[in-house]
């Protein structure tokens, strides 16, 4: 049995026009299904606005789904009371994209980390400070940082604090929502290496959300590609890079910078990203797809298994690859 099972998840938000009148619904997540095994890292990748962060919040129950289910260790979370859900929150934690806004600016780092031990009654009061210092050292900080406030840290240090807060309750699953997108490249590498080290030491499972395939490639066992609320391709990380079968995946791989200046430049996608308030009919990607046909405009493809766990939702998956530049 998988540690995490998500089935047919759907979430929409009511939107209003400038006059405050109802203007429709924004479909953020549409019929999304995925699984995550213990000790595995599943990368969830796509452009901004595709529904990745909403998916993470739905899984951890920060948002309530319109329909579908999220099961953790065999228990469907949506059916739990608030009291019952609290015990599961110790087993699932989230690292947020912006390390500054996710930390209370009026509290010291020591107080922020101590909260988890107090709320969940994980340690006697006399031991909490020692546990806080241990957490700080685990993520590469030191005891002297305990009395500092979030604004006194660099972006990378603040993200280390965010990781320490997630680790405080000794979770089994961490949802990392764009944990390195706001950081410099050198700091990104440090945080990624830290997350991989912690996973090895603590047998953690990660749902790693990002928009950058270059980052996702280095951390993921499997990768799910998301476009306008739908999973369009899911495969082993090596297989996805070597043999993408969806044109959107192909475009994302082509967008990864290549170090050779003589290498061919990627073919740009045509058109703009459609509005999730009024998405295209059929396959949502067809207005920007070089392979699109009349079938794509009228009928949404379903995820088909190509073997070895490689799934793709494309009517013309056998043709994809002729525009692939990276080899």
C-alpha atoms as a PDB file:
ATOM      1  CA  UNK A   1       0.000   0.000   0.000  1.00  0.00           C
ATOM      2  CA  UNK A   2       1.290   3.455  -0.950  1.00  0.00           C
ATOM      3  CA  UNK A   3       1.969   5.994   1.813  1.00  0.00           C
ATOM      4  CA  UNK A   4      -0.105   8.626  -0.020  1.00  0.00           C
ATOM      5  CA  UNK A   5      -2.960   7.988  -2.446  1.00  0.00           C
ATOM      6  CA  UNK A   6      -4.786  10.832  -4.194  1.00  0.00           C
ATOM      7  CA  UNK A   7      -7.793   9.947  -6.322  1.00  0.00           C
ATOM      8  CA  UNK A   8      -9.820  12.177  -8.676  1.00  0.00           C
ATOM      9  CA  UNK A   9      -9.095  15.350  -6.718  1.00  0.00           C
ATOM     10  CA  UNK A  10     -10.891  18.499  -7.864  1.00  0.00           C
ATOM     11  CA  UNK A  11     -10.823  22.077  -6.570  1.00  0.00           C
ATOM     12  CA  UNK A  12     -12.269  25.285  -7.995  1.00  0.00           C
ATOM     13  CA  UNK A  13     -12.529  28.831  -6.676  1.00  0.00           C
ATOM     14  CA  UNK A  14     -15.321  31.325  -7.299  1.00  0.00           C
ATOM     15  CA  UNK A  15     -13.992  34.492  -8.906  1.00  0.00           C
ATOM     16  CA  UNK A  16     -15.517  37.976  -9.096  1.00  0.00           C
ATOM     17  CA  UNK A  17     -15.292  40.819 -11.601  1.00  0.00           C
ATOM     18  CA  UNK A  18     -14.022  44.317 -10.614  1.00  0.00           C
ATOM     19  CA  UNK A  19     -17.540  45.238  -9.471  1.00  0.00           C
ATOM     20  CA  UNK A  20     -17.657  42.325  -7.060  1.00  0.00           C
ATOM     21  CA  UNK A  21     -20.101  40.273  -9.112  1.00  0.00           C
ATOM     22  CA  UNK A  22     -19.677  36.563  -9.731  1.00  0.00           C
ATOM     23  CA  UNK A  23     -17.643  35.972 -12.888  1.00  0.00           C
ATOM     24  CA  UNK A  24     -17.353  32.193 -12.905  1.00  0.00           C
ATOM     25  CA  UNK A  25     -15.134  29.542 -11.398  1.00  0.00           C
ATOM     26  CA  UNK A  26     -11.395  29.079 -11.620  1.00  0.00           C
ATOM     27  CA  UNK A  27     -10.659  25.359 -11.878  1.00  0.00           C
ATOM     28  CA  UNK A  28      -7.332  24.937 -10.066  1.00  0.00           C
ATOM     29  CA  UNK A  29      -7.204  21.121  -9.884  1.00  0.00           C
ATOM     30  CA  UNK A  30      -9.164  18.811 -12.165  1.00  0.00           C
ATOM     31  CA  UNK A  31      -9.476  15.034 -11.701  1.00  0.00           C
ATOM     32  CA  UNK A  32      -5.965  14.625 -10.290  1.00  0.00           C
ATOM     33  CA  UNK A  33      -4.733  11.212  -9.147  1.00  0.00           C
ATOM     34  CA  UNK A  34      -1.279  10.190  -7.921  1.00  0.00           C
ATOM     35  CA  UNK A  35       0.496   7.928  -5.428  1.00  0.00           C
ATOM     36  CA  UNK A  36       3.633   8.303  -3.329  1.00  0.00           C
ATOM     37  CA  UNK A  37       5.582   5.443  -1.765  1.00  0.00           C
ATOM     38  CA  UNK A  38       7.422   5.575   1.554  1.00  0.00           C
ATOM     39  CA  UNK A  39      10.929   6.987   1.089  1.00  0.00           C
ATOM     40  CA  UNK A  40      10.157   8.229  -2.429  1.00  0.00           C
ATOM     41  CA  UNK A  41      10.407  11.711  -3.932  1.00  0.00           C
ATOM     42  CA  UNK A  42       7.679  12.598  -6.409  1.00  0.00           C
ATOM     43  CA  UNK A  43       8.339  15.787  -8.345  1.00  0.00           C
ATOM     44  CA  UNK A  44       5.321  17.873  -9.384  1.00  0.00           C
ATOM     45  CA  UNK A  45       6.280  20.317 -12.123  1.00  0.00           C
ATOM     46  CA  UNK A  46       4.529  22.884 -14.284  1.00  0.00           C
ATOM     47  CA  UNK A  47       4.264  26.588 -15.044  1.00  0.00           C
ATOM     48  CA  UNK A  48       3.049  29.090 -12.450  1.00  0.00           C
ATOM     49  CA  UNK A  49      -0.718  28.948 -12.081  1.00  0.00           C
ATOM     50  CA  UNK A  50      -1.114  25.312 -13.118  1.00  0.00           C
ATOM     51  CA  UNK A  51      -2.405  24.217  -9.691  1.00  0.00           C
ATOM     52  CA  UNK A  52       0.735  22.714  -8.103  1.00  0.00           C
ATOM     53  CA  UNK A  53       0.602  24.639  -4.827  1.00  0.00           C
ATOM     54  CA  UNK A  54      -3.152  24.132  -4.551  1.00  0.00           C
ATOM     55  CA  UNK A  55      -2.558  20.394  -4.917  1.00  0.00           C
ATOM     56  CA  UNK A  56      -0.069  20.455  -2.047  1.00  0.00           C
ATOM     57  CA  UNK A  57      -2.492  22.361   0.198  1.00  0.00           C
ATOM     58  CA  UNK A  58      -5.321  19.971  -0.668  1.00  0.00           C
ATOM     59  CA  UNK A  59      -3.172  16.971   0.237  1.00  0.00           C
ATOM     60  CA  UNK A  60      -2.159  18.378   3.603  1.00  0.00           C
ATOM     61  CA  UNK A  61      -5.757  19.539   4.227  1.00  0.00           C
ATOM     62  CA  UNK A  62      -5.085  23.274   4.319  1.00  0.00           C
ATOM     63  CA  UNK A  63      -7.790  23.474   1.632  1.00  0.00           C
ATOM     64  CA  UNK A  64     -10.906  21.351   1.324  1.00  0.00           C
ATOM     65  CA  UNK A  65     -11.414  19.583  -2.009  1.00  0.00           C
ATOM     66  CA  UNK A  66     -14.657  19.888  -3.963  1.00  0.00           C
ATOM     67  CA  UNK A  67     -14.489  16.156  -4.684  1.00  0.00           C
ATOM     68  CA  UNK A  68     -12.056  13.257  -4.682  1.00  0.00           C
ATOM     69  CA  UNK A  69     -10.066  11.750  -1.842  1.00  0.00           C
ATOM     70  CA  UNK A  70      -6.673  11.949  -0.132  1.00  0.00           C
ATOM     71  CA  UNK A  71      -5.588   8.868   1.816  1.00  0.00           C
ATOM     72  CA  UNK A  72      -2.517   8.778   4.041  1.00  0.00           C
ATOM     73  CA  UNK A  73      -1.314   5.369   5.267  1.00  0.00           C
ATOM     74  CA  UNK A  74      -4.704   3.932   4.328  1.00  0.00           C
ATOM     75  CA  UNK A  75      -6.811   6.585   6.101  1.00  0.00           C
ATOM     76  CA  UNK A  76      -8.956   8.987   4.088  1.00  0.00           C
ATOM     77  CA  UNK A  77      -8.132  12.410   5.534  1.00  0.00           C
ATOM     78  CA  UNK A  78     -11.254  14.176   4.292  1.00  0.00           C
ATOM     79  CA  UNK A  79     -13.430  12.052   6.578  1.00  0.00           C
ATOM     80  CA  UNK A  80     -11.538  12.911   9.767  1.00  0.00           C
ATOM     81  CA  UNK A  81     -12.702  15.406  12.360  1.00  0.00           C
ATOM     82  CA  UNK A  82     -10.473  18.350  13.239  1.00  0.00           C
ATOM     83  CA  UNK A  83      -9.388  16.539  16.395  1.00  0.00           C
ATOM     84  CA  UNK A  84      -8.564  13.324  14.514  1.00  0.00           C
ATOM     85  CA  UNK A  85      -6.732  15.256  11.807  1.00  0.00           C
ATOM     86  CA  UNK A  86      -4.368  16.834  14.349  1.00  0.00           C
ATOM     87  CA  UNK A  87      -2.577  13.531  14.939  1.00  0.00           C
ATOM     88  CA  UNK A  88      -2.036  13.165  11.187  1.00  0.00           C
ATOM     89  CA  UNK A  89      -0.581  16.659  10.937  1.00  0.00           C
ATOM     90  CA  UNK A  90       2.387  15.366  12.925  1.00  0.00           C
ATOM     91  CA  UNK A  91       2.987  12.849  10.136  1.00  0.00           C
ATOM     92  CA  UNK A  92       2.670  15.351   7.264  1.00  0.00           C
ATOM     93  CA  UNK A  93       4.390  18.727   7.099  1.00  0.00           C
ATOM     94  CA  UNK A  94       4.888  21.466   4.533  1.00  0.00           C
ATOM     95  CA  UNK A  95       7.855  23.654   3.565  1.00  0.00           C
ATOM     96  CA  UNK A  96       6.527  26.856   2.023  1.00  0.00           C
ATOM     97  CA  UNK A  97       7.828  28.742  -0.995  1.00  0.00           C
ATOM     98  CA  UNK A  98       8.526  32.052   0.745  1.00  0.00           C
ATOM     99  CA  UNK A  99      10.606  31.409   3.857  1.00  0.00           C
ATOM    100  CA  UNK A 100      10.060  34.960   5.112  1.00  0.00           C
ATOM    101  CA  UNK A 101       6.262  35.229   4.981  1.00  0.00           C
ATOM    102  CA  UNK A 102       5.841  31.726   6.417  1.00  0.00           C
ATOM    103  CA  UNK A 103       7.658  32.665   9.657  1.00  0.00           C
ATOM    104  CA  UNK A 104       6.106  34.877  12.348  1.00  0.00           C
ATOM    105  CA  UNK A 105       8.213  38.088  12.347  1.00  0.00           C
ATOM    106  CA  UNK A 106       7.337  38.807  16.006  1.00  0.00           C
ATOM    107  CA  UNK A 107       8.765  35.536  17.296  1.00  0.00           C
ATOM    108  CA  UNK A 108      12.343  34.405  17.667  1.00  0.00           C
ATOM    109  CA  UNK A 109      13.401  31.311  15.783  1.00  0.00           C
ATOM    110  CA  UNK A 110      13.645  29.440  19.083  1.00  0.00           C
ATOM    111  CA  UNK A 111      10.020  30.282  19.907  1.00  0.00           C
ATOM    112  CA  UNK A 112       8.863  29.324  16.401  1.00  0.00           C
ATOM    113  CA  UNK A 113      10.460  25.889  16.666  1.00  0.00           C
ATOM    114  CA  UNK A 114       9.339  25.380  20.259  1.00  0.00           C
ATOM    115  CA  UNK A 115       5.698  25.788  19.219  1.00  0.00           C
ATOM    116  CA  UNK A 116       5.627  22.355  17.578  1.00  0.00           C
ATOM    117  CA  UNK A 117       6.834  20.630  20.756  1.00  0.00           C
ATOM    118  CA  UNK A 118       4.313  22.525  22.892  1.00  0.00           C
ATOM    119  CA  UNK A 119       1.252  22.117  20.646  1.00  0.00           C
ATOM    120  CA  UNK A 120       1.806  18.422  20.017  1.00  0.00           C
ATOM    121  CA  UNK A 121       3.201  17.727  23.516  1.00  0.00           C
ATOM    122  CA  UNK A 122       6.313  16.090  22.121  1.00  0.00           C
ATOM    123  CA  UNK A 123       8.710  16.928  24.946  1.00  0.00           C
ATOM    124  CA  UNK A 124       8.679  18.111  28.594  1.00  0.00           C
ATOM    125  CA  UNK A 125       9.126  21.871  28.961  1.00  0.00           C
ATOM    126  CA  UNK A 126      12.607  21.468  30.461  1.00  0.00           C
ATOM    127  CA  UNK A 127      13.782  19.589  27.349  1.00  0.00           C
ATOM    128  CA  UNK A 128      12.307  21.817  24.667  1.00  0.00           C
ATOM    129  CA  UNK A 129      15.260  24.209  24.388  1.00  0.00           C
ATOM    130  CA  UNK A 130      17.687  21.313  23.918  1.00  0.00           C
ATOM    131  CA  UNK A 131      15.416  19.865  21.198  1.00  0.00           C
ATOM    132  CA  UNK A 132      15.264  23.267  19.454  1.00  0.00           C
ATOM    133  CA  UNK A 133      19.060  23.590  19.423  1.00  0.00           C
ATOM    134  CA  UNK A 134      19.343  20.032  18.115  1.00  0.00           C
ATOM    135  CA  UNK A 135      16.984  20.920  15.253  1.00  0.00           C
ATOM    136  CA  UNK A 136      18.968  24.045  14.383  1.00  0.00           C
ATOM    137  CA  UNK A 137      22.189  22.046  14.229  1.00  0.00           C
ATOM    138  CA  UNK A 138      20.493  19.372  12.103  1.00  0.00           C
ATOM    139  CA  UNK A 139      19.766  21.930   9.363  1.00  0.00           C
ATOM    140  CA  UNK A 140      23.186  23.586   9.484  1.00  0.00           C
ATOM    141  CA  UNK A 141      22.487  26.430  11.913  1.00  0.00           C
ATOM    142  CA  UNK A 142      23.780  26.837  15.474  1.00  0.00           C
ATOM    143  CA  UNK A 143      22.574  27.545  19.015  1.00  0.00           C
ATOM    144  CA  UNK A 144      23.387  31.248  18.664  1.00  0.00           C
ATOM    145  CA  UNK A 145      20.628  31.577  16.041  1.00  0.00           C
ATOM    146  CA  UNK A 146      17.955  30.620  18.581  1.00  0.00           C
ATOM    147  CA  UNK A 147      17.329  34.188  19.807  1.00  0.00           C
ATOM    148  CA  UNK A 148      17.317  35.834  16.383  1.00  0.00           C
ATOM    149  CA  UNK A 149      14.215  37.000  14.519  1.00  0.00           C
ATOM    150  CA  UNK A 150      13.407  35.920  10.932  1.00  0.00           C
ATOM    151  CA  UNK A 151      14.448  39.300   9.438  1.00  0.00           C
ATOM    152  CA  UNK A 152      17.972  38.783  10.789  1.00  0.00           C
ATOM    153  CA  UNK A 153      18.568  35.766   8.548  1.00  0.00           C
ATOM    154  CA  UNK A 154      19.432  35.408   4.866  1.00  0.00           C
ATOM    155  CA  UNK A 155      16.951  33.718   2.519  1.00  0.00           C
ATOM    156  CA  UNK A 156      18.818  30.421   2.660  1.00  0.00           C
ATOM    157  CA  UNK A 157      19.012  30.508   6.458  1.00  0.00           C
ATOM    158  CA  UNK A 158      15.286  31.248   6.704  1.00  0.00           C
ATOM    159  CA  UNK A 159      14.529  28.251   4.521  1.00  0.00           C
ATOM    160  CA  UNK A 160      16.672  26.120   6.834  1.00  0.00           C
ATOM    161  CA  UNK A 161      14.482  27.345   9.693  1.00  0.00           C
ATOM    162  CA  UNK A 162      11.412  26.339   7.675  1.00  0.00           C
ATOM    163  CA  UNK A 163      12.886  22.874   7.181  1.00  0.00           C
ATOM    164  CA  UNK A 164      13.689  22.626  10.902  1.00  0.00           C
ATOM    165  CA  UNK A 165      10.093  23.532  11.757  1.00  0.00           C
ATOM    166  CA  UNK A 166       8.825  20.794   9.444  1.00  0.00           C
ATOM    167  CA  UNK A 167      11.198  18.250  11.011  1.00  0.00           C
ATOM    168  CA  UNK A 168      10.244  19.115  14.593  1.00  0.00           C
ATOM    169  CA  UNK A 169       7.289  16.703  14.686  1.00  0.00           C
ATOM    170  CA  UNK A 170       9.272  13.906  12.989  1.00  0.00           C
ATOM    171  CA  UNK A 171       6.980  13.592   9.935  1.00  0.00           C
ATOM    172  CA  UNK A 172       6.858  10.794   7.386  1.00  0.00           C
ATOM    173  CA  UNK A 173       5.836  13.040   4.465  1.00  0.00           C
ATOM    174  CA  UNK A 174       7.022  16.546   3.622  1.00  0.00           C
ATOM    175  CA  UNK A 175       5.375  18.624   0.911  1.00  0.00           C
ATOM    176  CA  UNK A 176       8.057  21.011  -0.337  1.00  0.00           C
ATOM    177  CA  UNK A 177       6.320  23.845  -2.215  1.00  0.00           C
ATOM    178  CA  UNK A 178       8.924  25.563  -4.408  1.00  0.00           C
ATOM    179  CA  UNK A 179      11.433  25.424  -1.519  1.00  0.00           C
ATOM    180  CA  UNK A 180      14.367  26.817  -3.518  1.00  0.00           C
ATOM    181  CA  UNK A 181      12.755  29.079  -6.144  1.00  0.00           C
ATOM    182  CA  UNK A 182      13.419  32.266  -4.140  1.00  0.00           C
ATOM    183  CA  UNK A 183      17.088  31.422  -3.500  1.00  0.00           C
ATOM    184  CA  UNK A 184      20.365  32.013  -5.340  1.00  0.00           C
ATOM    185  CA  UNK A 185      21.727  29.077  -7.344  1.00  0.00           C
ATOM    186  CA  UNK A 186      24.518  28.255  -4.897  1.00  0.00           C
ATOM    187  CA  UNK A 187      22.085  28.344  -1.978  1.00  0.00           C
ATOM    188  CA  UNK A 188      19.603  26.231  -3.955  1.00  0.00           C
ATOM    189  CA  UNK A 189      22.226  23.491  -4.206  1.00  0.00           C
ATOM    190  CA  UNK A 190      22.876  23.626  -0.456  1.00  0.00           C
ATOM    191  CA  UNK A 191      19.166  23.302   0.402  1.00  0.00           C
ATOM    192  CA  UNK A 192      18.624  20.476  -2.104  1.00  0.00           C
ATOM    193  CA  UNK A 193      21.622  18.580  -0.701  1.00  0.00           C
ATOM    194  CA  UNK A 194      20.284  19.118   2.831  1.00  0.00           C
ATOM    195  CA  UNK A 195      16.853  17.765   1.876  1.00  0.00           C
ATOM    196  CA  UNK A 196      18.387  14.689   0.243  1.00  0.00           C
ATOM    197  CA  UNK A 197      20.604  14.085   3.286  1.00  0.00           C
ATOM    198  CA  UNK A 198      17.634  14.326   5.646  1.00  0.00           C
ATOM    199  CA  UNK A 199      15.606  11.979   3.468  1.00  0.00           C
ATOM    200  CA  UNK A 200      18.345   9.359   3.613  1.00  0.00           C
ATOM    201  CA  UNK A 201      18.770   9.700   7.391  1.00  0.00           C
ATOM    202  CA  UNK A 202      15.057   9.781   8.291  1.00  0.00           C
ATOM    203  CA  UNK A 203      13.427   7.798   5.472  1.00  0.00           C
ATOM    204  CA  UNK A 204      11.310  10.816   4.518  1.00  0.00           C
ATOM    205  CA  UNK A 205       8.918  10.937   1.583  1.00  0.00           C
ATOM    206  CA  UNK A 206       8.762  14.172  -0.429  1.00  0.00           C
ATOM    207  CA  UNK A 207       6.231  15.715  -2.754  1.00  0.00           C
ATOM    208  CA  UNK A 208       8.599  18.233  -4.333  1.00  0.00           C
ATOM    209  CA  UNK A 209       6.759  21.040  -6.148  1.00  0.00           C
ATOM    210  CA  UNK A 210       8.665  23.215  -8.637  1.00  0.00           C
ATOM    211  CA  UNK A 211       8.395  24.939 -11.999  1.00  0.00           C
ATOM    212  CA  UNK A 212      12.022  24.218 -12.943  1.00  0.00           C
ATOM    213  CA  UNK A 213      12.726  20.818 -14.504  1.00  0.00           C
ATOM    214  CA  UNK A 214      16.445  21.301 -13.918  1.00  0.00           C
ATOM    215  CA  UNK A 215      15.789  21.324 -10.156  1.00  0.00           C
ATOM    216  CA  UNK A 216      13.223  18.515 -10.268  1.00  0.00           C
ATOM    217  CA  UNK A 217      15.655  16.286 -12.195  1.00  0.00           C
ATOM    218  CA  UNK A 218      18.153  16.172  -9.302  1.00  0.00           C
ATOM    219  CA  UNK A 219      15.720  15.343  -6.504  1.00  0.00           C
ATOM    220  CA  UNK A 220      12.955  13.140  -7.925  1.00  0.00           C
ATOM    221  CA  UNK A 221      12.469   9.417  -8.320  1.00  0.00           C
ATOM    222  CA  UNK A 222       9.340  10.005 -10.385  1.00  0.00           C
ATOM    223  CA  UNK A 223       7.969  13.173 -11.985  1.00  0.00           C
ATOM    224  CA  UNK A 224       4.379  14.269 -12.610  1.00  0.00           C
ATOM    225  CA  UNK A 225       3.919  17.056 -15.182  1.00  0.00           C
ATOM    226  CA  UNK A 226       0.914  19.327 -14.578  1.00  0.00           C
ATOM    227  CA  UNK A 227      -0.840  21.696 -16.970  1.00  0.00           C
ATOM    228  CA  UNK A 228      -3.913  23.779 -16.109  1.00  0.00           C
ATOM    229  CA  UNK A 229      -4.977  21.565 -13.244  1.00  0.00           C
ATOM    230  CA  UNK A 230      -4.398  18.205 -14.947  1.00  0.00           C
ATOM    231  CA  UNK A 231      -1.591  15.650 -14.787  1.00  0.00           C
ATOM    232  CA  UNK A 232      -0.507  15.243 -18.426  1.00  0.00           C
ATOM    233  CA  UNK A 233       2.487  12.913 -17.937  1.00  0.00           C
ATOM    234  CA  UNK A 234       3.929  10.815 -15.129  1.00  0.00           C
ATOM    235  CA  UNK A 235       7.062   8.685 -15.331  1.00  0.00           C
ATOM    236  CA  UNK A 236      10.340   7.673 -13.752  1.00  0.00           C
ATOM    237  CA  UNK A 237      12.642  10.703 -13.777  1.00  0.00           C
ATOM    238  CA  UNK A 238      15.214   9.197 -16.163  1.00  0.00           C
ATOM    239  CA  UNK A 239      12.501   7.940 -18.510  1.00  0.00           C
ATOM    240  CA  UNK A 240      10.759  11.315 -18.592  1.00  0.00           C
ATOM    241  CA  UNK A 241      13.917  13.157 -19.645  1.00  0.00           C
ATOM    242  CA  UNK A 242      15.014  10.494 -22.098  1.00  0.00           C
ATOM    243  CA  UNK A 243      11.660   9.801 -23.685  1.00  0.00           C
ATOM    244  CA  UNK A 244       8.996  12.498 -23.073  1.00  0.00           C
ATOM    245  CA  UNK A 245       5.664  11.566 -24.622  1.00  0.00           C
ATOM    246  CA  UNK A 246       3.667  14.747 -24.042  1.00  0.00           C
ATOM    247  CA  UNK A 247       4.364  17.942 -26.039  1.00  0.00           C
ATOM    248  CA  UNK A 248       4.215  20.062 -22.886  1.00  0.00           C
ATOM    249  CA  UNK A 249       6.896  17.927 -21.235  1.00  0.00           C
ATOM    250  CA  UNK A 250       8.947  18.278 -24.412  1.00  0.00           C
ATOM    251  CA  UNK A 251       8.599  22.078 -24.210  1.00  0.00           C
ATOM    252  CA  UNK A 252       9.640  22.161 -20.540  1.00  0.00           C
ATOM    253  CA  UNK A 253      12.747  20.078 -21.260  1.00  0.00           C
ATOM    254  CA  UNK A 254      13.650  22.370 -24.154  1.00  0.00           C
ATOM    255  CA  UNK A 255      13.351  25.365 -21.818  1.00  0.00           C
ATOM    256  CA  UNK A 256      16.140  24.064 -19.546  1.00  0.00           C
ATOM    257  CA  UNK A 257      19.269  26.170 -20.304  1.00  0.00           C
ATOM    258  CA  UNK A 258      22.017  24.305 -22.163  1.00  0.00           C
ATOM    259  CA  UNK A 259      25.690  25.159 -21.462  1.00  0.00           C
ATOM    260  CA  UNK A 260      26.815  24.931 -25.119  1.00  0.00           C
ATOM    261  CA  UNK A 261      26.276  28.320 -26.858  1.00  0.00           C
ATOM    262  CA  UNK A 262      26.280  26.547 -30.237  1.00  0.00           C
ATOM    263  CA  UNK A 263      23.444  24.258 -29.206  1.00  0.00           C
ATOM    264  CA  UNK A 264      20.145  24.869 -31.080  1.00  0.00           C
ATOM    265  CA  UNK A 265      17.771  27.240 -29.319  1.00  0.00           C
ATOM    266  CA  UNK A 266      14.476  25.787 -28.118  1.00  0.00           C
ATOM    267  CA  UNK A 267      11.358  26.216 -30.209  1.00  0.00           C
ATOM    268  CA  UNK A 268       9.084  28.598 -28.310  1.00  0.00           C
ATOM    269  CA  UNK A 269       5.534  27.589 -27.540  1.00  0.00           C
ATOM    270  CA  UNK A 270       2.973  29.551 -29.511  1.00  0.00           C
ATOM    271  CA  UNK A 271       0.260  31.578 -27.810  1.00  0.00           C
ATOM    272  CA  UNK A 272      -0.324  32.532 -24.188  1.00  0.00           C
ATOM    273  CA  UNK A 273      -1.187  30.328 -21.216  1.00  0.00           C
ATOM    274  CA  UNK A 274      -4.999  29.985 -21.289  1.00  0.00           C
ATOM    275  CA  UNK A 275      -7.068  31.293 -18.391  1.00  0.00           C
ATOM    276  CA  UNK A 276      -8.094  28.622 -15.874  1.00  0.00           C
ATOM    277  CA  UNK A 277     -11.406  30.497 -15.598  1.00  0.00           C
ATOM    278  CA  UNK A 278     -12.177  29.698 -19.235  1.00  0.00           C
ATOM    279  CA  UNK A 279      -9.882  26.818 -20.256  1.00  0.00           C
ATOM    280  CA  UNK A 280      -9.841  25.489 -23.831  1.00  0.00           C
ATOM    281  CA  UNK A 281     -12.111  22.621 -24.763  1.00  0.00           C
ATOM    282  CA  UNK A 282     -10.727  19.116 -25.219  1.00  0.00           C
ATOM    283  CA  UNK A 283      -7.035  18.953 -24.400  1.00  0.00           C
ATOM    284  CA  UNK A 284      -6.192  22.155 -22.517  1.00  0.00           C
ATOM    285  CA  UNK A 285      -2.798  22.286 -24.220  1.00  0.00           C
ATOM    286  CA  UNK A 286      -4.035  22.155 -27.830  1.00  0.00           C
ATOM    287  CA  UNK A 287      -3.904  25.950 -28.567  1.00  0.00           C
ATOM    288  CA  UNK A 288      -0.113  25.874 -27.973  1.00  0.00           C
ATOM    289  CA  UNK A 289       0.654  22.380 -29.271  1.00  0.00           C
ATOM    290  CA  UNK A 290       2.546  21.765 -32.559  1.00  0.00           C
ATOM    291  CA  UNK A 291       0.941  18.316 -32.831  1.00  0.00           C
ATOM    292  CA  UNK A 292      -2.694  19.350 -32.222  1.00  0.00           C
ATOM    293  CA  UNK A 293      -5.516  18.005 -34.407  1.00  0.00           C
ATOM    294  CA  UNK A 294      -9.288  18.337 -34.471  1.00  0.00           C
ATOM    295  CA  UNK A 295      -9.505  15.408 -32.068  1.00  0.00           C
ATOM    296  CA  UNK A 296      -7.466  17.362 -29.504  1.00  0.00           C
ATOM    297  CA  UNK A 297      -9.823  20.343 -29.754  1.00  0.00           C
ATOM    298  CA  UNK A 298     -12.915  18.251 -29.080  1.00  0.00           C
ATOM    299  CA  UNK A 299     -11.881  15.430 -26.737  1.00  0.00           C
ATOM    300  CA  UNK A 300      -9.797  15.547 -23.575  1.00  0.00           C
ATOM    301  CA  UNK A 301      -7.269  12.674 -23.512  1.00  0.00           C
ATOM    302  CA  UNK A 302      -7.066  10.369 -20.497  1.00  0.00           C
ATOM    303  CA  UNK A 303      -3.876   9.122 -18.837  1.00  0.00           C
ATOM    304  CA  UNK A 304      -2.787   5.930 -20.598  1.00  0.00           C
ATOM    305  CA  UNK A 305      -0.108   3.569 -19.265  1.00  0.00           C
ATOM    306  CA  UNK A 306       2.682   3.033 -21.792  1.00  0.00           C
ATOM    307  CA  UNK A 307       4.380   0.456 -19.567  1.00  0.00           C
ATOM    308  CA  UNK A 308       6.852   0.629 -16.682  1.00  0.00           C
ATOM    309  CA  UNK A 309       4.680   3.203 -14.953  1.00  0.00           C
ATOM    310  CA  UNK A 310       4.985   5.757 -17.763  1.00  0.00           C
ATOM    311  CA  UNK A 311       1.596   7.455 -18.154  1.00  0.00           C
ATOM    312  CA  UNK A 312       0.652  10.169 -20.643  1.00  0.00           C
ATOM    313  CA  UNK A 313      -2.510  12.031 -21.628  1.00  0.00           C
ATOM    314  CA  UNK A 314      -2.022  12.798 -25.319  1.00  0.00           C
ATOM    315  CA  UNK A 315      -3.831  11.738 -28.490  1.00  0.00           C
ATOM    316  CA  UNK A 316      -0.582  11.925 -30.481  1.00  0.00           C
ATOM    317  CA  UNK A 317       1.982  10.673 -27.964  1.00  0.00           C
ATOM    318  CA  UNK A 318       3.661   8.496 -30.629  1.00  0.00           C
ATOM    319  CA  UNK A 319       4.635  11.648 -32.583  1.00  0.00           C
ATOM    320  CA  UNK A 320       6.089  13.607 -29.663  1.00  0.00           C
ATOM    321  CA  UNK A 321       9.857  14.065 -29.691  1.00  0.00           C
ATOM    322  CA  UNK A 322      10.609  15.500 -33.119  1.00  0.00           C
ATOM    323  CA  UNK A 323      11.006  18.985 -31.620  1.00  0.00           C
ATOM    324  CA  UNK A 324      13.078  17.748 -28.655  1.00  0.00           C
ATOM    325  CA  UNK A 325      16.393  19.619 -28.578  1.00  0.00           C
ATOM    326  CA  UNK A 326      18.103  18.219 -25.465  1.00  0.00           C
ATOM    327  CA  UNK A 327      19.575  14.780 -26.007  1.00  0.00           C
END
